[in-house]
Every structure is written in structure tokens, then in C-alpha cells.
Amino acid sequence: MPLYRDYSDEKATILLWKYDEKEELNQDTLVEEENGDKIKDYHPTKLKELLLIRKILKTVLPGHKILYDGRTPYLEPKDFEISITHSFPFAALAFSKNKIGIDIEPFNSKILKVQNKFLYPDQAEFIEKGKEVAYLTVIWSLKESLYKIHHSNYWSLKKHYEVKPFDLDFPFNIMCRVHDERVSDLFKARVEFFDNYCFTIVD
């Protein structure tokens, strides 16, 4: 059984699967006809991630399919909001009556070199010394989850998406904000850890 974690709560169904070489991922039965051209040049690993997402969907909502508005996925019929994320060998699907954003990221020290692209120095004062990689990865992932809920082609993860101070030992009810000159929307988030990954949920 490829189900790795079930993070569902009273507001949303959130399922994380892990690829198993024994798992049957039949492209002909899992991929929507509308997405046939979209995936024809996919790298084999990227294709497996997509197929895993479809396998989750067929398991819990067999009468639905995932289509795209540009790069943004949506569910058809449109009776739920969805969010998808993957980082091989993991893939996750969330659906809810309300907007939801999820993201999965591996912990990698390379994030230290790019932190200035998504974080202002004065927004990082709460980061504990010696735990920079963990904190930065969580912040990046939270901003990715926020973007999936509240996105604009004119916004940047650095300028318009803010993660309030939090503690890695209790990564729940983390306050996040999306804002510009006219908008200031607050969200609550939670973070789950497993293996060498973090998984963020904003709803």
C-alpha cells in the first residue's frame, strides 16, 4: 500500500503517498485525455509523480479528474478545491471545500545560498543558530503553499509572502501573510516532518 501518511483533519483530506516499484501506474488509465499532449515529453521521474497524484485521486474521488488553467490544477467536477505537490519518491494531494495549499521539500544545505531570493534578513531574526537549513526550508515551503492559495504573476515570494516567527519544536498554527498595497490576508499553517522532508499545509 503506497499511502505513507494521512494528514487529513475536519477541514480537508490530505494524503501523502510514496512510490513503490511494485505499484502499478498505468498511464493509459490514469492520465486524463485532456492532458495527453501535456505529458508526452515528461521526464520519467516527473511522469511517475504525476501518475502517483492521479492514483491518489482515483482512490478517493474516482469520478473526478485534474485539469489545468495555465499551470494551475483544478478538479473537475469543481466541487472541491485542490492542491498537489511532489518530490520523488513522494507525492501528495489535498482537497477541501475551502482553498488549501500544500508543499513538500527535502532538507538541503543548498538553500543557504539562495535565502536572499525569498527572505529579507529582518524576517529571519527568529531562526535558531545551527538550525538554519531546517528553518529556511520550512519558510520556503510555507511560501510555496501560500502561493498555491493566493497567487499573482505580479507578486514575489520575497516581497509579498511573509511567514511570522515560529518554533520548530511546535510547528502548528504558524501565522502567514500575503500582502501588497491593497491586500493583507492572514492564514494559519502547520508543518509535518518525516524522513528528510518537511510538508507544509496552509488552509
N, C-alpha and C. Protein backbone atom coordinates (compact mmCIF):
# COMPACT_ATOMS: atom_id res chain seq x y z
N MET A 1 0.84 -1.20 0.00
CA MET A 1 0.00 0.00 0.00
C MET A 1 0.88 1.25 0.00
N PRO A 2 0.77 2.11 -1.01
CA PRO A 2 1.67 3.25 -1.12
C PRO A 2 1.30 4.44 -0.22
N LEU A 3 0.15 4.41 0.47
CA LEU A 3 -0.17 5.50 1.39
C LEU A 3 0.89 5.57 2.47
N TYR A 4 1.54 6.73 2.59
CA TYR A 4 2.64 6.90 3.53
C TYR A 4 2.20 7.63 4.80
N ARG A 5 1.40 8.67 4.62
CA ARG A 5 0.87 9.42 5.75
C ARG A 5 -0.52 9.96 5.38
N ASP A 6 -1.38 10.03 6.39
CA ASP A 6 -2.69 10.65 6.21
C ASP A 6 -2.75 11.85 7.16
N TYR A 7 -2.73 13.06 6.59
CA TYR A 7 -2.74 14.28 7.39
C TYR A 7 -4.11 14.95 7.38
N SER A 8 -5.14 14.21 7.05
CA SER A 8 -6.48 14.76 6.98
C SER A 8 -6.96 15.26 8.34
N ASP A 9 -7.83 16.27 8.29
CA ASP A 9 -8.48 16.76 9.50
C ASP A 9 -9.93 17.07 9.16
N GLU A 10 -10.60 17.81 10.03
CA GLU A 10 -12.03 18.07 9.82
C GLU A 10 -12.28 19.01 8.64
N LYS A 11 -11.24 19.70 8.19
CA LYS A 11 -11.41 20.66 7.10
C LYS A 11 -11.00 20.12 5.73
N ALA A 12 -10.09 19.15 5.71
CA ALA A 12 -9.54 18.73 4.42
C ALA A 12 -9.06 17.29 4.46
N THR A 13 -9.06 16.67 3.28
CA THR A 13 -8.42 15.37 3.10
C THR A 13 -7.04 15.61 2.51
N ILE A 14 -6.01 15.10 3.20
CA ILE A 14 -4.63 15.37 2.80
C ILE A 14 -3.87 14.05 2.85
N LEU A 15 -3.51 13.53 1.69
CA LEU A 15 -2.90 12.20 1.60
C LEU A 15 -1.52 12.28 0.97
N LEU A 16 -0.56 11.66 1.62
CA LEU A 16 0.82 11.60 1.12
C LEU A 16 1.15 10.15 0.76
N TRP A 17 1.59 9.94 -0.48
CA TRP A 17 1.95 8.61 -0.95
C TRP A 17 3.43 8.54 -1.27
N LYS A 18 3.99 7.35 -1.19
CA LYS A 18 5.38 7.12 -1.54
C LYS A 18 5.44 6.07 -2.64
N TYR A 19 6.24 6.35 -3.66
CA TYR A 19 6.35 5.45 -4.79
C TYR A 19 6.90 4.09 -4.38
N ASP A 20 6.27 3.06 -4.90
CA ASP A 20 6.69 1.68 -4.68
C ASP A 20 6.88 1.05 -6.05
N GLU A 21 8.02 0.47 -6.29
CA GLU A 21 8.30 -0.12 -7.60
C GLU A 21 7.28 -1.20 -7.99
N LYS A 22 6.64 -1.77 -6.98
CA LYS A 22 5.63 -2.80 -7.26
C LYS A 22 4.27 -2.19 -7.62
N GLU A 23 4.13 -0.90 -7.38
CA GLU A 23 2.86 -0.23 -7.64
C GLU A 23 2.61 -0.09 -9.13
N GLU A 24 1.42 -0.46 -9.56
CA GLU A 24 1.07 -0.33 -10.96
C GLU A 24 0.59 1.09 -11.25
N LEU A 25 1.28 1.77 -12.15
CA LEU A 25 0.91 3.13 -12.55
C LEU A 25 0.68 3.11 -14.06
N ASN A 26 -0.55 2.85 -14.43
CA ASN A 26 -0.91 2.69 -15.83
C ASN A 26 -1.26 4.05 -16.44
N GLN A 27 -0.39 4.54 -17.28
CA GLN A 27 -0.59 5.85 -17.89
C GLN A 27 -1.89 5.92 -18.68
N ASP A 28 -2.25 4.85 -19.37
CA ASP A 28 -3.43 4.86 -20.22
C ASP A 28 -4.72 5.03 -19.42
N THR A 29 -4.74 4.49 -18.19
CA THR A 29 -5.97 4.58 -17.39
C THR A 29 -5.95 5.74 -16.40
N LEU A 30 -4.77 6.26 -16.08
CA LEU A 30 -4.68 7.30 -15.06
C LEU A 30 -4.66 8.72 -15.62
N VAL A 31 -4.06 8.91 -16.77
CA VAL A 31 -3.92 10.26 -17.32
C VAL A 31 -5.19 10.67 -18.06
N GLU A 32 -5.68 11.86 -17.76
CA GLU A 32 -6.86 12.39 -18.42
C GLU A 32 -6.57 12.63 -19.91
N GLU A 33 -7.56 12.42 -20.74
CA GLU A 33 -7.39 12.61 -22.18
C GLU A 33 -6.94 14.04 -22.49
N GLU A 34 -7.46 14.99 -21.71
CA GLU A 34 -7.12 16.40 -21.94
C GLU A 34 -5.65 16.70 -21.68
N ASN A 35 -4.97 15.85 -20.90
CA ASN A 35 -3.58 16.09 -20.53
C ASN A 35 -2.59 15.25 -21.34
N GLY A 36 -3.08 14.54 -22.34
CA GLY A 36 -2.22 13.66 -23.11
C GLY A 36 -1.03 14.38 -23.74
N ASP A 37 -1.28 15.51 -24.39
CA ASP A 37 -0.21 16.25 -25.03
C ASP A 37 0.72 16.89 -24.01
N LYS A 38 0.17 17.27 -22.88
CA LYS A 38 0.94 17.96 -21.85
C LYS A 38 2.09 17.11 -21.32
N ILE A 39 1.87 15.80 -21.23
CA ILE A 39 2.84 14.93 -20.56
C ILE A 39 3.73 14.15 -21.52
N LYS A 40 3.56 14.34 -22.82
CA LYS A 40 4.26 13.45 -23.76
C LYS A 40 5.77 13.58 -23.71
N ASP A 41 6.28 14.73 -23.25
CA ASP A 41 7.73 14.91 -23.18
C ASP A 41 8.24 14.94 -21.74
N TYR A 42 7.43 14.47 -20.81
CA TYR A 42 7.83 14.48 -19.40
C TYR A 42 9.01 13.54 -19.17
N HIS A 43 9.90 13.94 -18.29
CA HIS A 43 10.96 13.05 -17.80
C HIS A 43 10.29 11.89 -17.05
N PRO A 44 10.84 10.68 -17.11
CA PRO A 44 10.21 9.53 -16.46
C PRO A 44 9.89 9.74 -14.98
N THR A 45 10.77 10.44 -14.25
CA THR A 45 10.50 10.68 -12.83
C THR A 45 9.33 11.63 -12.65
N LYS A 46 9.29 12.68 -13.46
CA LYS A 46 8.17 13.63 -13.39
C LYS A 46 6.86 12.95 -13.75
N LEU A 47 6.90 12.05 -14.71
CA LEU A 47 5.70 11.31 -15.10
C LEU A 47 5.22 10.43 -13.95
N LYS A 48 6.14 9.78 -13.25
CA LYS A 48 5.74 8.95 -12.10
C LYS A 48 5.07 9.80 -11.03
N GLU A 49 5.59 11.00 -10.80
CA GLU A 49 4.97 11.89 -9.81
C GLU A 49 3.54 12.22 -10.21
N LEU A 50 3.35 12.55 -11.49
CA LEU A 50 2.00 12.86 -11.97
C LEU A 50 1.08 11.66 -11.84
N LEU A 51 1.59 10.48 -12.18
CA LEU A 51 0.77 9.28 -12.10
C LEU A 51 0.41 8.93 -10.65
N LEU A 52 1.33 9.18 -9.74
CA LEU A 52 1.03 8.95 -8.32
C LEU A 52 -0.12 9.84 -7.86
N ILE A 53 -0.10 11.11 -8.27
CA ILE A 53 -1.18 12.03 -7.92
C ILE A 53 -2.51 11.51 -8.45
N ARG A 54 -2.50 11.04 -9.70
CA ARG A 54 -3.74 10.51 -10.29
C ARG A 54 -4.20 9.25 -9.58
N LYS A 55 -3.25 8.42 -9.12
CA LYS A 55 -3.62 7.20 -8.42
C LYS A 55 -4.30 7.54 -7.08
N ILE A 56 -3.77 8.56 -6.40
CA ILE A 56 -4.43 9.00 -5.16
C ILE A 56 -5.85 9.46 -5.47
N LEU A 57 -5.98 10.28 -6.51
CA LEU A 57 -7.30 10.82 -6.86
C LEU A 57 -8.28 9.70 -7.19
N LYS A 58 -7.85 8.72 -8.00
CA LYS A 58 -8.74 7.61 -8.37
C LYS A 58 -9.17 6.80 -7.15
N THR A 59 -8.31 6.79 -6.12
CA THR A 59 -8.63 6.02 -4.92
C THR A 59 -9.71 6.70 -4.07
N VAL A 60 -9.65 8.04 -3.98
CA VAL A 60 -10.56 8.74 -3.08
C VAL A 60 -11.71 9.45 -3.80
N LEU A 61 -11.48 9.89 -5.05
CA LEU A 61 -12.53 10.56 -5.83
C LEU A 61 -12.52 10.00 -7.25
N PRO A 62 -12.97 8.77 -7.42
CA PRO A 62 -12.84 8.10 -8.72
C PRO A 62 -13.59 8.78 -9.86
N GLY A 63 -14.58 9.60 -9.56
CA GLY A 63 -15.35 10.26 -10.62
C GLY A 63 -14.80 11.61 -11.03
N HIS A 64 -13.62 11.98 -10.51
CA HIS A 64 -13.05 13.29 -10.77
C HIS A 64 -11.77 13.18 -11.62
N LYS A 65 -11.37 14.31 -12.17
CA LYS A 65 -10.11 14.38 -12.88
C LYS A 65 -9.45 15.74 -12.62
N ILE A 66 -8.15 15.79 -12.83
CA ILE A 66 -7.39 17.02 -12.63
C ILE A 66 -7.10 17.64 -13.99
N LEU A 67 -7.54 18.88 -14.17
CA LEU A 67 -7.27 19.64 -15.37
C LEU A 67 -6.47 20.88 -14.99
N TYR A 68 -6.11 21.71 -15.96
CA TYR A 68 -5.25 22.85 -15.70
C TYR A 68 -5.78 24.12 -16.34
N ASP A 69 -5.68 25.19 -15.57
CA ASP A 69 -5.91 26.54 -16.08
C ASP A 69 -4.53 27.19 -16.13
N GLY A 70 -3.90 27.13 -17.30
CA GLY A 70 -2.49 27.50 -17.37
C GLY A 70 -1.68 26.43 -16.64
N ARG A 71 -0.99 26.84 -15.57
CA ARG A 71 -0.22 25.89 -14.77
C ARG A 71 -0.95 25.51 -13.48
N THR A 72 -2.12 26.10 -13.27
CA THR A 72 -2.85 25.88 -12.02
C THR A 72 -3.80 24.69 -12.16
N PRO A 73 -3.63 23.65 -11.33
CA PRO A 73 -4.54 22.50 -11.41
C PRO A 73 -5.88 22.79 -10.75
N TYR A 74 -6.91 22.19 -11.29
CA TYR A 74 -8.22 22.27 -10.66
C TYR A 74 -8.95 20.95 -10.86
N LEU A 75 -9.95 20.76 -10.03
CA LEU A 75 -10.69 19.50 -10.05
C LEU A 75 -11.93 19.63 -10.93
N GLU A 76 -12.21 18.61 -11.67
CA GLU A 76 -13.44 18.53 -12.48
C GLU A 76 -14.17 17.25 -12.15
N PRO A 77 -15.42 17.29 -11.64
CA PRO A 77 -16.23 18.47 -11.35
C PRO A 77 -15.60 19.36 -10.28
N LYS A 78 -16.00 20.63 -10.28
CA LYS A 78 -15.39 21.63 -9.42
C LYS A 78 -16.07 21.72 -8.05
N ASP A 79 -16.24 20.57 -7.39
CA ASP A 79 -16.90 20.60 -6.10
C ASP A 79 -15.93 20.63 -4.92
N PHE A 80 -14.62 20.61 -5.22
CA PHE A 80 -13.59 20.76 -4.18
C PHE A 80 -12.47 21.64 -4.71
N GLU A 81 -11.82 22.33 -3.78
CA GLU A 81 -10.54 22.97 -4.08
C GLU A 81 -9.44 21.92 -3.90
N ILE A 82 -8.39 22.00 -4.70
CA ILE A 82 -7.31 21.01 -4.56
C ILE A 82 -5.93 21.69 -4.52
N SER A 83 -4.98 20.95 -4.01
CA SER A 83 -3.58 21.33 -4.10
C SER A 83 -2.77 20.06 -4.25
N ILE A 84 -1.73 20.12 -5.07
CA ILE A 84 -0.89 18.94 -5.27
C ILE A 84 0.57 19.34 -5.08
N THR A 85 1.39 18.37 -4.69
CA THR A 85 2.82 18.60 -4.55
C THR A 85 3.54 17.27 -4.68
N HIS A 86 4.79 17.32 -5.12
CA HIS A 86 5.56 16.09 -5.24
C HIS A 86 7.05 16.38 -5.19
N SER A 87 7.77 15.46 -4.65
CA SER A 87 9.23 15.45 -4.63
C SER A 87 9.61 13.98 -4.56
N PHE A 88 9.90 13.42 -5.70
CA PHE A 88 10.08 11.98 -5.80
C PHE A 88 11.02 11.44 -4.72
N PRO A 89 10.59 10.35 -4.05
CA PRO A 89 9.52 9.40 -4.37
C PRO A 89 8.16 9.72 -3.75
N PHE A 90 7.96 10.97 -3.26
CA PHE A 90 6.71 11.31 -2.59
C PHE A 90 5.82 12.16 -3.48
N ALA A 91 4.52 12.01 -3.28
CA ALA A 91 3.52 12.85 -3.94
C ALA A 91 2.33 12.99 -3.00
N ALA A 92 1.70 14.16 -3.02
CA ALA A 92 0.59 14.39 -2.10
C ALA A 92 -0.53 15.15 -2.80
N LEU A 93 -1.75 14.86 -2.36
CA LEU A 93 -2.96 15.51 -2.87
C LEU A 93 -3.79 15.96 -1.68
N ALA A 94 -4.29 17.19 -1.76
CA ALA A 94 -5.20 17.70 -0.74
C ALA A 94 -6.44 18.23 -1.44
N PHE A 95 -7.60 17.97 -0.84
CA PHE A 95 -8.82 18.59 -1.35
C PHE A 95 -9.71 19.00 -0.19
N SER A 96 -10.43 20.10 -0.43
CA SER A 96 -11.23 20.71 0.63
C SER A 96 -12.31 21.57 -0.01
N LYS A 97 -13.32 21.92 0.78
CA LYS A 97 -14.33 22.86 0.31
C LYS A 97 -13.76 24.28 0.28
N ASN A 98 -12.67 24.50 1.00
CA ASN A 98 -12.02 25.81 1.05
C ASN A 98 -10.66 25.76 0.36
N LYS A 99 -10.11 26.92 0.07
CA LYS A 99 -8.78 27.00 -0.53
C LYS A 99 -7.76 26.32 0.37
N ILE A 100 -6.84 25.58 -0.23
CA ILE A 100 -5.80 24.89 0.53
C ILE A 100 -4.51 24.84 -0.30
N GLY A 101 -3.38 24.94 0.38
CA GLY A 101 -2.10 24.85 -0.30
C GLY A 101 -1.18 23.90 0.45
N ILE A 102 -0.53 22.99 -0.26
CA ILE A 102 0.42 22.07 0.35
C ILE A 102 1.72 22.09 -0.44
N ASP A 103 2.81 21.74 0.26
CA ASP A 103 4.11 21.68 -0.41
C ASP A 103 5.01 20.73 0.35
N ILE A 104 5.85 20.02 -0.39
CA ILE A 104 6.82 19.11 0.21
C ILE A 104 8.22 19.52 -0.27
N GLU A 105 9.17 19.57 0.67
CA GLU A 105 10.54 19.96 0.34
C GLU A 105 11.53 19.10 1.11
N PRO A 106 12.60 18.66 0.45
CA PRO A 106 13.68 17.97 1.17
C PRO A 106 14.58 18.99 1.86
N PHE A 107 15.17 18.60 2.97
CA PHE A 107 16.15 19.47 3.62
C PHE A 107 17.47 19.36 2.87
N ASN A 108 17.99 20.51 2.46
CA ASN A 108 19.22 20.52 1.67
C ASN A 108 19.97 21.82 1.98
N SER A 109 21.25 21.70 2.27
CA SER A 109 22.04 22.86 2.65
C SER A 109 22.17 23.90 1.53
N LYS A 110 21.85 23.53 0.30
CA LYS A 110 21.92 24.48 -0.81
C LYS A 110 21.01 25.68 -0.59
N ILE A 111 20.00 25.52 0.26
CA ILE A 111 19.06 26.61 0.49
C ILE A 111 19.75 27.81 1.14
N LEU A 112 20.86 27.58 1.82
CA LEU A 112 21.60 28.67 2.47
C LEU A 112 22.09 29.68 1.43
N LYS A 113 22.39 29.21 0.22
CA LYS A 113 22.95 30.07 -0.82
C LYS A 113 21.89 30.91 -1.52
N VAL A 114 20.61 30.54 -1.38
CA VAL A 114 19.56 31.25 -2.12
C VAL A 114 18.56 31.94 -1.21
N GLN A 115 18.82 31.96 0.10
CA GLN A 115 17.84 32.51 1.03
C GLN A 115 17.50 33.97 0.75
N ASN A 116 18.47 34.73 0.21
CA ASN A 116 18.19 36.15 -0.06
C ASN A 116 17.20 36.35 -1.19
N LYS A 117 16.89 35.27 -1.92
CA LYS A 117 15.92 35.36 -3.01
C LYS A 117 14.48 35.28 -2.52
N PHE A 118 14.29 34.76 -1.30
CA PHE A 118 12.91 34.62 -0.81
C PHE A 118 12.71 35.14 0.60
N LEU A 119 13.74 35.73 1.21
CA LEU A 119 13.63 36.14 2.61
C LEU A 119 14.45 37.39 2.87
N TYR A 120 13.79 38.41 3.50
CA TYR A 120 14.52 39.58 3.95
C TYR A 120 15.24 39.26 5.26
N PRO A 121 16.46 39.77 5.46
CA PRO A 121 17.22 39.47 6.69
C PRO A 121 16.45 39.75 7.97
N ASP A 122 15.68 40.84 8.01
CA ASP A 122 14.97 41.18 9.25
C ASP A 122 13.79 40.26 9.52
N GLN A 123 13.44 39.40 8.55
CA GLN A 123 12.37 38.43 8.75
C GLN A 123 12.93 37.09 9.21
N ALA A 124 14.24 37.04 9.45
CA ALA A 124 14.87 35.77 9.82
C ALA A 124 15.50 35.82 11.20
N GLU A 125 15.16 36.85 11.98
CA GLU A 125 15.80 37.02 13.28
C GLU A 125 15.44 35.93 14.27
N PHE A 126 14.34 35.23 14.05
CA PHE A 126 13.91 34.18 14.98
C PHE A 126 14.56 32.82 14.68
N ILE A 127 15.31 32.72 13.59
CA ILE A 127 15.93 31.45 13.22
C ILE A 127 17.04 31.09 14.21
N GLU A 128 16.96 29.87 14.73
CA GLU A 128 17.94 29.42 15.72
C GLU A 128 19.27 29.07 15.05
N LYS A 129 20.35 29.47 15.69
CA LYS A 129 21.67 29.18 15.17
C LYS A 129 21.90 27.66 15.15
N GLY A 130 22.46 27.17 14.06
CA GLY A 130 22.69 25.74 13.91
C GLY A 130 21.52 25.01 13.27
N LYS A 131 20.37 25.69 13.14
CA LYS A 131 19.18 25.08 12.55
C LYS A 131 18.71 25.86 11.32
N GLU A 132 19.64 26.58 10.72
CA GLU A 132 19.27 27.46 9.61
C GLU A 132 18.64 26.70 8.43
N VAL A 133 19.20 25.54 8.08
CA VAL A 133 18.68 24.79 6.93
C VAL A 133 17.23 24.37 7.18
N ALA A 134 16.95 23.89 8.37
CA ALA A 134 15.59 23.46 8.69
C ALA A 134 14.61 24.63 8.64
N TYR A 135 14.96 25.72 9.28
CA TYR A 135 14.06 26.88 9.30
C TYR A 135 13.85 27.44 7.89
N LEU A 136 14.92 27.60 7.14
CA LEU A 136 14.79 28.17 5.81
C LEU A 136 13.98 27.28 4.89
N THR A 137 14.15 25.98 5.01
CA THR A 137 13.37 25.05 4.18
C THR A 137 11.89 25.14 4.52
N VAL A 138 11.57 25.23 5.79
CA VAL A 138 10.17 25.36 6.20
C VAL A 138 9.59 26.68 5.68
N ILE A 139 10.34 27.75 5.82
CA ILE A 139 9.85 29.06 5.35
C ILE A 139 9.60 29.04 3.85
N TRP A 140 10.56 28.48 3.10
CA TRP A 140 10.38 28.37 1.65
C TRP A 140 9.13 27.56 1.32
N SER A 141 8.97 26.42 1.98
CA SER A 141 7.84 25.55 1.72
C SER A 141 6.52 26.23 2.07
N LEU A 142 6.49 26.95 3.19
CA LEU A 142 5.28 27.68 3.57
C LEU A 142 4.90 28.72 2.53
N LYS A 143 5.90 29.40 2.01
CA LYS A 143 5.61 30.41 0.99
C LYS A 143 5.10 29.76 -0.29
N GLU A 144 5.63 28.58 -0.62
CA GLU A 144 5.13 27.85 -1.79
C GLU A 144 3.67 27.44 -1.58
N SER A 145 3.35 26.98 -0.37
CA SER A 145 1.96 26.61 -0.07
C SER A 145 1.04 27.83 -0.13
N LEU A 146 1.51 28.96 0.40
CA LEU A 146 0.73 30.19 0.34
C LEU A 146 0.47 30.59 -1.10
N TYR A 147 1.49 30.47 -1.93
CA TYR A 147 1.36 30.87 -3.33
C TYR A 147 0.27 30.07 -4.04
N LYS A 148 0.13 28.82 -3.66
CA LYS A 148 -0.87 27.97 -4.31
C LYS A 148 -2.29 28.40 -3.94
N ILE A 149 -2.44 29.06 -2.81
CA ILE A 149 -3.75 29.57 -2.40
C ILE A 149 -4.00 30.95 -2.98
N HIS A 150 -2.98 31.77 -2.96
CA HIS A 150 -3.14 33.20 -3.17
C HIS A 150 -1.99 33.67 -4.07
N HIS A 151 -2.14 33.52 -5.38
CA HIS A 151 -1.03 33.82 -6.26
C HIS A 151 -1.33 34.93 -7.25
N SER A 152 -0.27 35.53 -7.72
CA SER A 152 -0.37 36.57 -8.73
C SER A 152 0.93 36.60 -9.51
N ASN A 153 0.84 36.86 -10.81
CA ASN A 153 2.04 36.96 -11.64
C ASN A 153 2.88 38.18 -11.29
N TYR A 154 2.29 39.09 -10.51
CA TYR A 154 2.98 40.34 -10.18
C TYR A 154 3.59 40.32 -8.78
N TRP A 155 3.44 39.23 -8.06
CA TRP A 155 3.95 39.14 -6.70
C TRP A 155 5.21 38.28 -6.66
N SER A 156 6.04 38.54 -5.64
CA SER A 156 7.24 37.74 -5.43
C SER A 156 7.16 37.05 -4.07
N LEU A 157 7.78 35.86 -3.97
CA LEU A 157 7.79 35.15 -2.70
C LEU A 157 8.52 35.96 -1.63
N LYS A 158 9.48 36.75 -2.03
CA LYS A 158 10.25 37.54 -1.06
C LYS A 158 9.46 38.73 -0.54
N LYS A 159 8.82 39.44 -1.42
CA LYS A 159 8.20 40.72 -1.05
C LYS A 159 6.78 40.58 -0.52
N HIS A 160 6.01 39.66 -1.07
CA HIS A 160 4.57 39.65 -0.79
C HIS A 160 4.08 38.49 0.07
N TYR A 161 4.97 37.56 0.40
CA TYR A 161 4.58 36.39 1.20
C TYR A 161 5.45 36.38 2.46
N GLU A 162 4.79 36.46 3.60
CA GLU A 162 5.50 36.59 4.88
C GLU A 162 5.14 35.45 5.83
N VAL A 163 6.15 34.89 6.47
CA VAL A 163 5.95 33.87 7.49
C VAL A 163 6.34 34.48 8.84
N LYS A 164 5.40 34.49 9.77
CA LYS A 164 5.66 35.05 11.08
C LYS A 164 6.57 34.11 11.88
N PRO A 165 7.24 34.61 12.93
CA PRO A 165 8.11 33.76 13.74
C PRO A 165 7.42 32.51 14.27
N PHE A 166 8.16 31.40 14.28
CA PHE A 166 7.62 30.14 14.77
C PHE A 166 8.73 29.33 15.39
N ASP A 167 8.37 28.23 16.04
CA ASP A 167 9.32 27.35 16.72
C ASP A 167 9.26 25.98 16.06
N LEU A 168 10.41 25.46 15.67
CA LEU A 168 10.45 24.14 15.04
C LEU A 168 9.91 23.04 15.94
N ASP A 169 10.00 23.24 17.25
CA ASP A 169 9.53 22.22 18.19
C ASP A 169 8.02 22.16 18.27
N PHE A 170 7.34 23.21 17.81
CA PHE A 170 5.87 23.22 17.81
C PHE A 170 5.41 23.94 16.54
N PRO A 171 5.52 23.28 15.40
CA PRO A 171 5.25 23.95 14.12
C PRO A 171 3.77 23.93 13.71
N PHE A 172 2.92 24.43 14.60
CA PHE A 172 1.48 24.45 14.33
C PHE A 172 0.94 25.86 14.53
N ASN A 173 -0.16 26.15 13.88
CA ASN A 173 -0.77 27.49 13.96
C ASN A 173 0.23 28.59 13.63
N ILE A 174 1.07 28.33 12.64
CA ILE A 174 2.03 29.33 12.18
C ILE A 174 1.28 30.38 11.37
N MET A 175 1.47 31.63 11.73
CA MET A 175 0.78 32.70 11.04
C MET A 175 1.57 33.12 9.80
N CYS A 176 0.86 33.26 8.70
CA CYS A 176 1.46 33.66 7.44
C CYS A 176 0.61 34.78 6.84
N ARG A 177 1.25 35.61 6.02
CA ARG A 177 0.52 36.73 5.44
C ARG A 177 0.88 36.91 3.98
N VAL A 178 -0.15 37.20 3.18
CA VAL A 178 0.02 37.60 1.79
C VAL A 178 -0.43 39.05 1.70
N HIS A 179 0.42 39.92 1.14
CA HIS A 179 0.08 41.34 1.21
C HIS A 179 0.72 42.14 0.08
N ASP A 180 0.06 43.22 -0.25
CA ASP A 180 0.64 44.27 -1.08
C ASP A 180 0.04 45.59 -0.60
N GLU A 181 0.02 46.60 -1.44
CA GLU A 181 -0.51 47.89 -1.01
C GLU A 181 -2.00 47.85 -0.71
N ARG A 182 -2.72 46.90 -1.30
CA ARG A 182 -4.18 46.86 -1.14
C ARG A 182 -4.67 45.63 -0.38
N VAL A 183 -3.88 44.59 -0.33
CA VAL A 183 -4.31 43.31 0.23
C VAL A 183 -3.45 42.95 1.44
N SER A 184 -4.09 42.40 2.47
CA SER A 184 -3.35 41.84 3.60
C SER A 184 -4.19 40.71 4.18
N ASP A 185 -3.88 39.48 3.76
CA ASP A 185 -4.66 38.31 4.16
C ASP A 185 -3.82 37.40 5.05
N LEU A 186 -4.39 37.03 6.19
CA LEU A 186 -3.70 36.16 7.14
C LEU A 186 -4.16 34.73 6.98
N PHE A 187 -3.22 33.79 7.17
CA PHE A 187 -3.52 32.36 7.11
C PHE A 187 -2.81 31.66 8.25
N LYS A 188 -3.34 30.48 8.62
CA LYS A 188 -2.67 29.62 9.59
C LYS A 188 -2.11 28.41 8.87
N ALA A 189 -0.97 27.95 9.34
CA ALA A 189 -0.31 26.82 8.69
C ALA A 189 0.20 25.84 9.72
N ARG A 190 0.49 24.64 9.23
CA ARG A 190 1.17 23.65 10.07
C ARG A 190 2.23 22.94 9.25
N VAL A 191 3.21 22.39 9.95
CA VAL A 191 4.32 21.70 9.30
C VAL A 191 4.45 20.31 9.88
N GLU A 192 4.66 19.33 9.01
CA GLU A 192 4.91 17.96 9.43
C GLU A 192 6.29 17.55 8.93
N PHE A 193 6.99 16.74 9.73
CA PHE A 193 8.33 16.28 9.36
C PHE A 193 8.35 14.76 9.22
N PHE A 194 9.08 14.26 8.23
CA PHE A 194 9.29 12.82 8.08
C PHE A 194 10.53 12.62 7.22
N ASP A 195 11.23 11.50 7.48
CA ASP A 195 12.48 11.22 6.76
C ASP A 195 13.33 12.49 6.75
N ASN A 196 13.71 12.96 5.57
CA ASN A 196 14.49 14.20 5.47
C ASN A 196 13.68 15.27 4.75
N TYR A 197 12.38 15.30 5.03
CA TYR A 197 11.48 16.22 4.33
C TYR A 197 10.65 17.01 5.33
N CYS A 198 10.15 18.15 4.83
CA CYS A 198 9.09 18.86 5.55
C CYS A 198 7.89 18.96 4.62
N PHE A 199 6.72 18.97 5.22
CA PHE A 199 5.46 19.00 4.49
C PHE A 199 4.63 20.12 5.10
N THR A 200 4.28 21.13 4.31
CA THR A 200 3.56 22.27 4.84
C THR A 200 2.12 22.29 4.33
N ILE A 201 1.24 22.74 5.21
CA ILE A 201 -0.20 22.78 4.91
C ILE A 201 -0.72 24.14 5.32
N VAL A 202 -1.30 24.86 4.38
CA VAL A 202 -1.91 26.17 4.65
C VAL A 202 -3.36 26.09 4.20
N ASP A 203 -4.27 26.38 5.14
CA ASP A 203 -5.71 26.36 4.76
C ASP A 203 -6.49 27.34 5.60
